[in-house]
Amino acid sequence: MSLQERLTVDMKEAMRAREKDRLTTIRMVKSSLQNEAIKLGKQELTDEEELTILSREMKQRNDSLREFERADRHDLVEKIQAEIIVLEAYMPKQLSEEEVQEIIDAAIAKTGASAPSDMGKVMGIVMPQLKGKADGALINRLVKQQLH
């Protein structure tokens, strides 16, 4: 089942169960996917494109969460946390820090990177492998630690 089909089924379930917050989040994701398809001039998006959009939505929610926590807006924090929980259901399983480190180590060995100036080479290999499976900030931090 494609992501769009899964979202449609889940949207119907949320309507029947009268889960307003879940329904709103699913509608936002469907809208983002449809807007991207229109922008790219496609009928359907590839799995990779869908994952990119989901990752973008998740990153936006996480950024908003940090901002709302800093501003002591507990009402908005709860709303964003609920949206993140809904989005996580559609994201691939996140890799542990150790699993990410193994992939980074393999990329460093492959490129022969040894200095911070080689970070671009390593990230170029690592990011496509970890797209949607690990947080970009975590990957960045681990690569920097390894190369310093």
N, C-alpha and C. Protein backbone atom coordinates (compact mmCIF):
# COMPACT_ATOMS: atom_id res chain seq x y z
N MET A 1 0.85 -1.18 0.00
CA MET A 1 0.00 0.00 0.00
C MET A 1 0.89 1.24 0.00
N SER A 2 0.61 2.16 -0.90
CA SER A 2 1.41 3.38 -1.00
C SER A 2 1.09 4.30 0.20
N LEU A 3 1.95 5.26 0.40
CA LEU A 3 1.76 6.20 1.51
C LEU A 3 0.45 6.96 1.34
N GLN A 4 0.16 7.39 0.11
CA GLN A 4 -1.09 8.13 -0.13
C GLN A 4 -2.31 7.28 0.24
N GLU A 5 -2.29 6.01 -0.16
CA GLU A 5 -3.42 5.12 0.16
C GLU A 5 -3.54 4.91 1.66
N ARG A 6 -2.39 4.73 2.32
CA ARG A 6 -2.37 4.53 3.76
C ARG A 6 -2.92 5.77 4.48
N LEU A 7 -2.53 6.94 4.00
CA LEU A 7 -3.03 8.19 4.59
C LEU A 7 -4.54 8.31 4.42
N THR A 8 -5.04 7.93 3.25
CA THR A 8 -6.47 8.01 2.98
C THR A 8 -7.25 7.08 3.91
N VAL A 9 -6.76 5.85 4.06
CA VAL A 9 -7.41 4.89 4.95
C VAL A 9 -7.39 5.41 6.39
N ASP A 10 -6.22 5.89 6.82
CA ASP A 10 -6.10 6.41 8.19
C ASP A 10 -6.95 7.66 8.40
N MET A 11 -7.09 8.46 7.36
CA MET A 11 -7.91 9.66 7.45
C MET A 11 -9.38 9.27 7.68
N LYS A 12 -9.84 8.26 6.96
CA LYS A 12 -11.22 7.79 7.14
C LYS A 12 -11.42 7.24 8.54
N GLU A 13 -10.43 6.49 9.03
CA GLU A 13 -10.52 5.95 10.39
C GLU A 13 -10.57 7.08 11.42
N ALA A 14 -9.74 8.10 11.23
CA ALA A 14 -9.72 9.23 12.16
C ALA A 14 -11.04 9.98 12.14
N MET A 15 -11.66 10.07 10.95
CA MET A 15 -12.97 10.73 10.85
C MET A 15 -14.01 9.94 11.63
N ARG A 16 -14.02 8.61 11.42
CA ARG A 16 -15.00 7.77 12.11
C ARG A 16 -14.82 7.81 13.62
N ALA A 17 -13.55 7.84 14.06
CA ALA A 17 -13.25 7.84 15.49
C ALA A 17 -13.31 9.26 16.08
N ARG A 18 -13.55 10.23 15.23
CA ARG A 18 -13.62 11.63 15.65
C ARG A 18 -12.33 12.08 16.35
N GLU A 19 -11.20 11.66 15.79
CA GLU A 19 -9.88 12.06 16.30
C GLU A 19 -9.44 13.30 15.54
N LYS A 20 -9.84 14.45 16.03
CA LYS A 20 -9.64 15.71 15.32
C LYS A 20 -8.16 16.04 15.08
N ASP A 21 -7.32 15.88 16.11
CA ASP A 21 -5.90 16.22 15.96
C ASP A 21 -5.21 15.32 14.94
N ARG A 22 -5.51 14.03 15.02
CA ARG A 22 -4.91 13.07 14.08
C ARG A 22 -5.38 13.37 12.65
N LEU A 23 -6.64 13.65 12.51
CA LEU A 23 -7.21 13.95 11.21
C LEU A 23 -6.56 15.19 10.60
N THR A 24 -6.39 16.22 11.40
CA THR A 24 -5.77 17.46 10.93
C THR A 24 -4.34 17.21 10.45
N THR A 25 -3.59 16.44 11.22
CA THR A 25 -2.19 16.15 10.85
C THR A 25 -2.14 15.34 9.56
N ILE A 26 -2.98 14.33 9.44
CA ILE A 26 -3.00 13.51 8.23
C ILE A 26 -3.36 14.37 7.02
N ARG A 27 -4.33 15.25 7.18
CA ARG A 27 -4.71 16.14 6.08
C ARG A 27 -3.56 17.05 5.66
N MET A 28 -2.80 17.54 6.66
CA MET A 28 -1.64 18.40 6.34
C MET A 28 -0.60 17.63 5.54
N VAL A 29 -0.34 16.39 5.92
CA VAL A 29 0.65 15.58 5.21
C VAL A 29 0.17 15.28 3.80
N LYS A 30 -1.10 14.90 3.67
CA LYS A 30 -1.65 14.64 2.33
C LYS A 30 -1.55 15.88 1.45
N SER A 31 -1.85 17.02 2.03
CA SER A 31 -1.77 18.28 1.31
C SER A 31 -0.33 18.56 0.85
N SER A 32 0.62 18.34 1.73
CA SER A 32 2.03 18.56 1.38
C SER A 32 2.45 17.64 0.24
N LEU A 33 2.02 16.39 0.30
CA LEU A 33 2.35 15.44 -0.76
C LEU A 33 1.73 15.86 -2.09
N GLN A 34 0.47 16.28 -2.05
CA GLN A 34 -0.21 16.70 -3.27
C GLN A 34 0.42 17.97 -3.84
N ASN A 35 0.76 18.91 -2.97
CA ASN A 35 1.40 20.15 -3.43
C ASN A 35 2.74 19.86 -4.10
N GLU A 36 3.50 18.95 -3.53
CA GLU A 36 4.80 18.60 -4.10
C GLU A 36 4.62 17.91 -5.46
N ALA A 37 3.61 17.04 -5.57
CA ALA A 37 3.34 16.36 -6.84
C ALA A 37 2.97 17.38 -7.91
N ILE A 38 2.17 18.35 -7.55
CA ILE A 38 1.77 19.40 -8.49
C ILE A 38 2.99 20.22 -8.89
N LYS A 39 3.80 20.57 -7.90
CA LYS A 39 5.00 21.36 -8.15
C LYS A 39 5.95 20.64 -9.11
N LEU A 40 6.07 19.32 -8.93
CA LEU A 40 6.96 18.53 -9.79
C LEU A 40 6.28 18.12 -11.10
N GLY A 41 4.99 18.39 -11.22
CA GLY A 41 4.25 18.04 -12.43
C GLY A 41 4.06 16.55 -12.59
N LYS A 42 3.89 15.86 -11.48
CA LYS A 42 3.73 14.40 -11.51
C LYS A 42 2.35 14.01 -11.01
N GLN A 43 1.92 12.83 -11.45
CA GLN A 43 0.67 12.27 -10.96
C GLN A 43 0.89 11.63 -9.59
N GLU A 44 2.00 10.86 -9.50
CA GLU A 44 2.34 10.20 -8.24
C GLU A 44 3.80 10.42 -7.92
N LEU A 45 4.10 10.53 -6.63
CA LEU A 45 5.48 10.71 -6.18
C LEU A 45 6.13 9.34 -5.95
N THR A 46 7.44 9.31 -6.08
CA THR A 46 8.17 8.08 -5.77
C THR A 46 8.24 7.93 -4.25
N ASP A 47 8.60 6.74 -3.79
CA ASP A 47 8.73 6.51 -2.35
C ASP A 47 9.77 7.45 -1.75
N GLU A 48 10.85 7.68 -2.48
CA GLU A 48 11.92 8.55 -1.98
C GLU A 48 11.42 9.99 -1.85
N GLU A 49 10.65 10.45 -2.82
CA GLU A 49 10.10 11.81 -2.75
C GLU A 49 9.12 11.94 -1.58
N GLU A 50 8.31 10.90 -1.38
CA GLU A 50 7.37 10.91 -0.25
C GLU A 50 8.13 10.96 1.07
N LEU A 51 9.20 10.19 1.15
CA LEU A 51 10.01 10.17 2.37
C LEU A 51 10.65 11.53 2.63
N THR A 52 11.10 12.18 1.56
CA THR A 52 11.69 13.51 1.70
C THR A 52 10.67 14.49 2.28
N ILE A 53 9.45 14.43 1.79
CA ILE A 53 8.40 15.33 2.26
C ILE A 53 8.04 15.02 3.71
N LEU A 54 7.93 13.74 4.04
CA LEU A 54 7.66 13.35 5.43
C LEU A 54 8.76 13.83 6.36
N SER A 55 10.00 13.68 5.92
CA SER A 55 11.14 14.12 6.73
C SER A 55 11.08 15.63 6.94
N ARG A 56 10.74 16.35 5.89
CA ARG A 56 10.63 17.81 5.98
C ARG A 56 9.55 18.20 6.99
N GLU A 57 8.39 17.52 6.91
CA GLU A 57 7.30 17.80 7.84
C GLU A 57 7.73 17.51 9.29
N MET A 58 8.43 16.40 9.47
CA MET A 58 8.89 16.03 10.80
C MET A 58 9.90 17.05 11.33
N LYS A 59 10.80 17.49 10.47
CA LYS A 59 11.81 18.48 10.89
C LYS A 59 11.13 19.79 11.29
N GLN A 60 10.14 20.21 10.50
CA GLN A 60 9.40 21.43 10.84
C GLN A 60 8.75 21.32 12.21
N ARG A 61 8.15 20.16 12.49
CA ARG A 61 7.49 19.96 13.78
C ARG A 61 8.52 19.99 14.92
N ASN A 62 9.66 19.33 14.71
CA ASN A 62 10.69 19.31 15.75
C ASN A 62 11.25 20.70 16.01
N ASP A 63 11.46 21.47 14.95
CA ASP A 63 11.94 22.85 15.10
C ASP A 63 10.91 23.69 15.87
N SER A 64 9.64 23.54 15.50
CA SER A 64 8.57 24.27 16.18
C SER A 64 8.50 23.88 17.65
N LEU A 65 8.66 22.58 17.91
CA LEU A 65 8.62 22.09 19.29
C LEU A 65 9.69 22.77 20.14
N ARG A 66 10.91 22.83 19.62
CA ARG A 66 12.00 23.48 20.36
C ARG A 66 11.70 24.96 20.61
N GLU A 67 11.17 25.64 19.59
CA GLU A 67 10.85 27.06 19.75
C GLU A 67 9.74 27.27 20.79
N PHE A 68 8.71 26.45 20.73
CA PHE A 68 7.60 26.59 21.67
C PHE A 68 8.05 26.27 23.09
N GLU A 69 8.94 25.29 23.25
CA GLU A 69 9.46 24.96 24.58
C GLU A 69 10.27 26.14 25.13
N ARG A 70 11.08 26.76 24.27
CA ARG A 70 11.87 27.91 24.69
C ARG A 70 10.98 29.08 25.11
N ALA A 71 9.83 29.22 24.45
CA ALA A 71 8.92 30.34 24.73
C ALA A 71 7.91 29.99 25.83
N ASP A 72 8.03 28.80 26.42
CA ASP A 72 7.11 28.34 27.46
C ASP A 72 5.65 28.33 27.00
N ARG A 73 5.44 27.90 25.77
CA ARG A 73 4.07 27.79 25.23
C ARG A 73 3.62 26.34 25.32
N HIS A 74 3.24 25.92 26.52
CA HIS A 74 2.90 24.52 26.79
C HIS A 74 1.68 24.06 25.99
N ASP A 75 0.74 24.96 25.72
CA ASP A 75 -0.42 24.61 24.93
C ASP A 75 -0.01 24.17 23.52
N LEU A 76 0.92 24.91 22.92
CA LEU A 76 1.38 24.59 21.57
C LEU A 76 2.34 23.39 21.57
N VAL A 77 3.09 23.23 22.65
CA VAL A 77 4.00 22.09 22.77
C VAL A 77 3.21 20.79 22.69
N GLU A 78 2.11 20.71 23.43
CA GLU A 78 1.28 19.50 23.43
C GLU A 78 0.71 19.21 22.04
N LYS A 79 0.28 20.26 21.36
CA LYS A 79 -0.29 20.10 20.01
C LYS A 79 0.76 19.56 19.04
N ILE A 80 1.96 20.13 19.08
CA ILE A 80 3.04 19.71 18.18
C ILE A 80 3.49 18.29 18.52
N GLN A 81 3.56 17.96 19.81
CA GLN A 81 3.94 16.60 20.20
C GLN A 81 2.94 15.58 19.65
N ALA A 82 1.66 15.92 19.68
CA ALA A 82 0.64 15.02 19.14
C ALA A 82 0.83 14.85 17.63
N GLU A 83 1.17 15.93 16.93
CA GLU A 83 1.41 15.84 15.48
C GLU A 83 2.64 14.98 15.20
N ILE A 84 3.68 15.11 16.00
CA ILE A 84 4.89 14.32 15.81
C ILE A 84 4.59 12.83 15.98
N ILE A 85 3.77 12.49 16.97
CA ILE A 85 3.41 11.08 17.18
C ILE A 85 2.69 10.53 15.96
N VAL A 86 1.79 11.31 15.38
CA VAL A 86 1.06 10.87 14.17
C VAL A 86 2.05 10.69 13.01
N LEU A 87 2.95 11.65 12.82
CA LEU A 87 3.91 11.57 11.72
C LEU A 87 4.87 10.39 11.87
N GLU A 88 5.27 10.09 13.10
CA GLU A 88 6.21 8.98 13.33
C GLU A 88 5.66 7.65 12.83
N ALA A 89 4.34 7.51 12.81
CA ALA A 89 3.72 6.27 12.33
C ALA A 89 4.02 6.02 10.85
N TYR A 90 4.31 7.07 10.11
CA TYR A 90 4.54 6.96 8.67
C TYR A 90 6.03 6.98 8.30
N MET A 91 6.87 7.29 9.28
CA MET A 91 8.30 7.36 9.03
C MET A 91 8.92 5.97 9.14
N PRO A 92 10.02 5.73 8.40
CA PRO A 92 10.71 4.45 8.58
C PRO A 92 11.31 4.39 9.99
N LYS A 93 11.60 3.17 10.43
CA LYS A 93 12.19 2.98 11.76
C LYS A 93 13.49 3.77 11.84
N GLN A 94 13.64 4.53 12.92
CA GLN A 94 14.85 5.33 13.10
C GLN A 94 15.99 4.43 13.59
N LEU A 95 17.17 4.64 13.02
CA LEU A 95 18.34 3.88 13.42
C LEU A 95 18.90 4.41 14.73
N SER A 96 19.53 3.52 15.50
CA SER A 96 20.16 3.94 16.75
C SER A 96 21.45 4.70 16.43
N GLU A 97 21.97 5.39 17.43
CA GLU A 97 23.21 6.14 17.25
C GLU A 97 24.35 5.20 16.85
N GLU A 98 24.37 3.99 17.41
CA GLU A 98 25.42 3.02 17.09
C GLU A 98 25.33 2.58 15.62
N GLU A 99 24.10 2.34 15.14
CA GLU A 99 23.92 1.94 13.74
C GLU A 99 24.35 3.06 12.79
N VAL A 100 24.03 4.29 13.15
CA VAL A 100 24.43 5.45 12.34
C VAL A 100 25.96 5.54 12.33
N GLN A 101 26.56 5.34 13.49
CA GLN A 101 28.02 5.42 13.61
C GLN A 101 28.70 4.38 12.72
N GLU A 102 28.14 3.18 12.64
CA GLU A 102 28.70 2.13 11.78
C GLU A 102 28.70 2.56 10.31
N ILE A 103 27.61 3.16 9.88
CA ILE A 103 27.50 3.62 8.48
C ILE A 103 28.50 4.74 8.23
N ILE A 104 28.65 5.64 9.20
CA ILE A 104 29.61 6.75 9.07
C ILE A 104 31.04 6.20 9.00
N ASP A 105 31.34 5.24 9.87
CA ASP A 105 32.68 4.63 9.88
C ASP A 105 33.00 3.99 8.53
N ALA A 106 32.02 3.30 7.95
CA ALA A 106 32.21 2.67 6.65
C ALA A 106 32.45 3.72 5.57
N ALA A 107 31.72 4.83 5.63
CA ALA A 107 31.88 5.91 4.65
C ALA A 107 33.25 6.56 4.78
N ILE A 108 33.72 6.75 6.01
CA ILE A 108 35.04 7.35 6.24
C ILE A 108 36.12 6.42 5.70
N ALA A 109 35.97 5.12 5.94
CA ALA A 109 36.94 4.16 5.43
C ALA A 109 36.95 4.15 3.90
N LYS A 110 35.76 4.24 3.31
CA LYS A 110 35.63 4.22 1.85
C LYS A 110 36.27 5.45 1.20
N THR A 111 36.08 6.62 1.83
CA THR A 111 36.60 7.86 1.24
C THR A 111 38.02 8.16 1.68
N GLY A 112 38.48 7.52 2.76
CA GLY A 112 39.80 7.82 3.28
C GLY A 112 39.84 9.18 3.96
N ALA A 113 38.69 9.66 4.40
CA ALA A 113 38.59 10.98 5.04
C ALA A 113 39.33 10.97 6.37
N SER A 114 40.02 12.07 6.63
CA SER A 114 40.76 12.16 7.90
C SER A 114 40.71 13.55 8.52
N ALA A 115 40.25 14.52 7.78
CA ALA A 115 40.25 15.90 8.26
C ALA A 115 38.86 16.51 8.11
N PRO A 116 38.57 17.57 8.86
CA PRO A 116 37.27 18.22 8.74
C PRO A 116 36.95 18.69 7.31
N SER A 117 37.97 18.95 6.54
CA SER A 117 37.73 19.39 5.16
C SER A 117 37.14 18.26 4.29
N ASP A 118 37.22 17.03 4.76
CA ASP A 118 36.67 15.88 4.02
C ASP A 118 35.22 15.59 4.39
N MET A 119 34.63 16.45 5.23
CA MET A 119 33.27 16.20 5.71
C MET A 119 32.27 16.10 4.56
N GLY A 120 32.41 16.92 3.54
CA GLY A 120 31.49 16.89 2.40
C GLY A 120 31.48 15.55 1.69
N LYS A 121 32.66 14.94 1.55
CA LYS A 121 32.75 13.63 0.90
C LYS A 121 31.99 12.58 1.71
N VAL A 122 32.21 12.60 3.02
CA VAL A 122 31.56 11.63 3.90
C VAL A 122 30.05 11.83 3.90
N MET A 123 29.62 13.08 4.05
CA MET A 123 28.17 13.37 4.09
C MET A 123 27.50 12.99 2.77
N GLY A 124 28.22 13.16 1.66
CA GLY A 124 27.68 12.79 0.35
C GLY A 124 27.37 11.31 0.24
N ILE A 125 28.13 10.49 0.93
CA ILE A 125 27.90 9.05 0.92
C ILE A 125 26.86 8.65 1.97
N VAL A 126 26.95 9.27 3.13
CA VAL A 126 26.12 8.88 4.27
C VAL A 126 24.66 9.32 4.12
N MET A 127 24.43 10.54 3.71
CA MET A 127 23.06 11.08 3.70
C MET A 127 22.08 10.27 2.84
N PRO A 128 22.44 9.86 1.62
CA PRO A 128 21.47 9.06 0.87
C PRO A 128 21.12 7.73 1.56
N GLN A 129 22.09 7.14 2.26
CA GLN A 129 21.84 5.88 2.95
C GLN A 129 20.93 6.05 4.17
N LEU A 130 21.03 7.20 4.81
CA LEU A 130 20.32 7.42 6.07
C LEU A 130 19.08 8.31 5.93
N LYS A 131 18.74 8.68 4.71
CA LYS A 131 17.61 9.59 4.47
C LYS A 131 16.34 9.06 5.14
N GLY A 132 15.82 9.85 6.06
CA GLY A 132 14.60 9.48 6.75
C GLY A 132 14.78 8.48 7.88
N LYS A 133 15.97 7.90 7.98
CA LYS A 133 16.21 6.87 9.00
C LYS A 133 16.97 7.41 10.20
N ALA A 134 17.49 8.63 10.08
CA ALA A 134 18.22 9.24 11.19
C ALA A 134 18.15 10.76 11.05
N ASP A 135 18.22 11.45 12.16
CA ASP A 135 18.16 12.90 12.18
C ASP A 135 19.44 13.49 11.59
N GLY A 136 19.30 14.45 10.71
CA GLY A 136 20.45 15.08 10.05
C GLY A 136 21.41 15.72 11.04
N ALA A 137 20.89 16.30 12.12
CA ALA A 137 21.75 16.93 13.12
C ALA A 137 22.62 15.88 13.82
N LEU A 138 22.05 14.71 14.09
CA LEU A 138 22.81 13.62 14.70
C LEU A 138 23.92 13.16 13.77
N ILE A 139 23.59 12.97 12.50
CA ILE A 139 24.57 12.52 11.51
C ILE A 139 25.70 13.54 11.43
N ASN A 140 25.35 14.80 11.33
CA ASN A 140 26.33 15.88 11.23
C ASN A 140 27.28 15.87 12.44
N ARG A 141 26.69 15.76 13.63
CA ARG A 141 27.49 15.76 14.87
C ARG A 141 28.45 14.57 14.91
N LEU A 142 27.96 13.39 14.54
CA LEU A 142 28.81 12.20 14.59
C LEU A 142 29.95 12.26 13.57
N VAL A 143 29.65 12.78 12.37
CA VAL A 143 30.71 12.92 11.36
C VAL A 143 31.76 13.91 11.84
N LYS A 144 31.32 15.04 12.40
CA LYS A 144 32.28 16.05 12.91
C LYS A 144 33.15 15.45 14.00
N GLN A 145 32.55 14.70 14.93
CA GLN A 145 33.33 14.07 16.00
C GLN A 145 34.39 13.13 15.42
N GLN A 146 34.00 12.39 14.42
CA GLN A 146 34.90 11.40 13.83
C GLN A 146 36.06 12.05 13.09
N LEU A 147 35.83 13.20 12.49
CA LEU A 147 36.85 13.84 11.67
C LEU A 147 37.70 14.87 12.42
N HIS A 148 37.42 15.10 13.67
CA HIS A 148 38.24 16.06 14.44
C HIS A 148 39.24 15.37 15.31
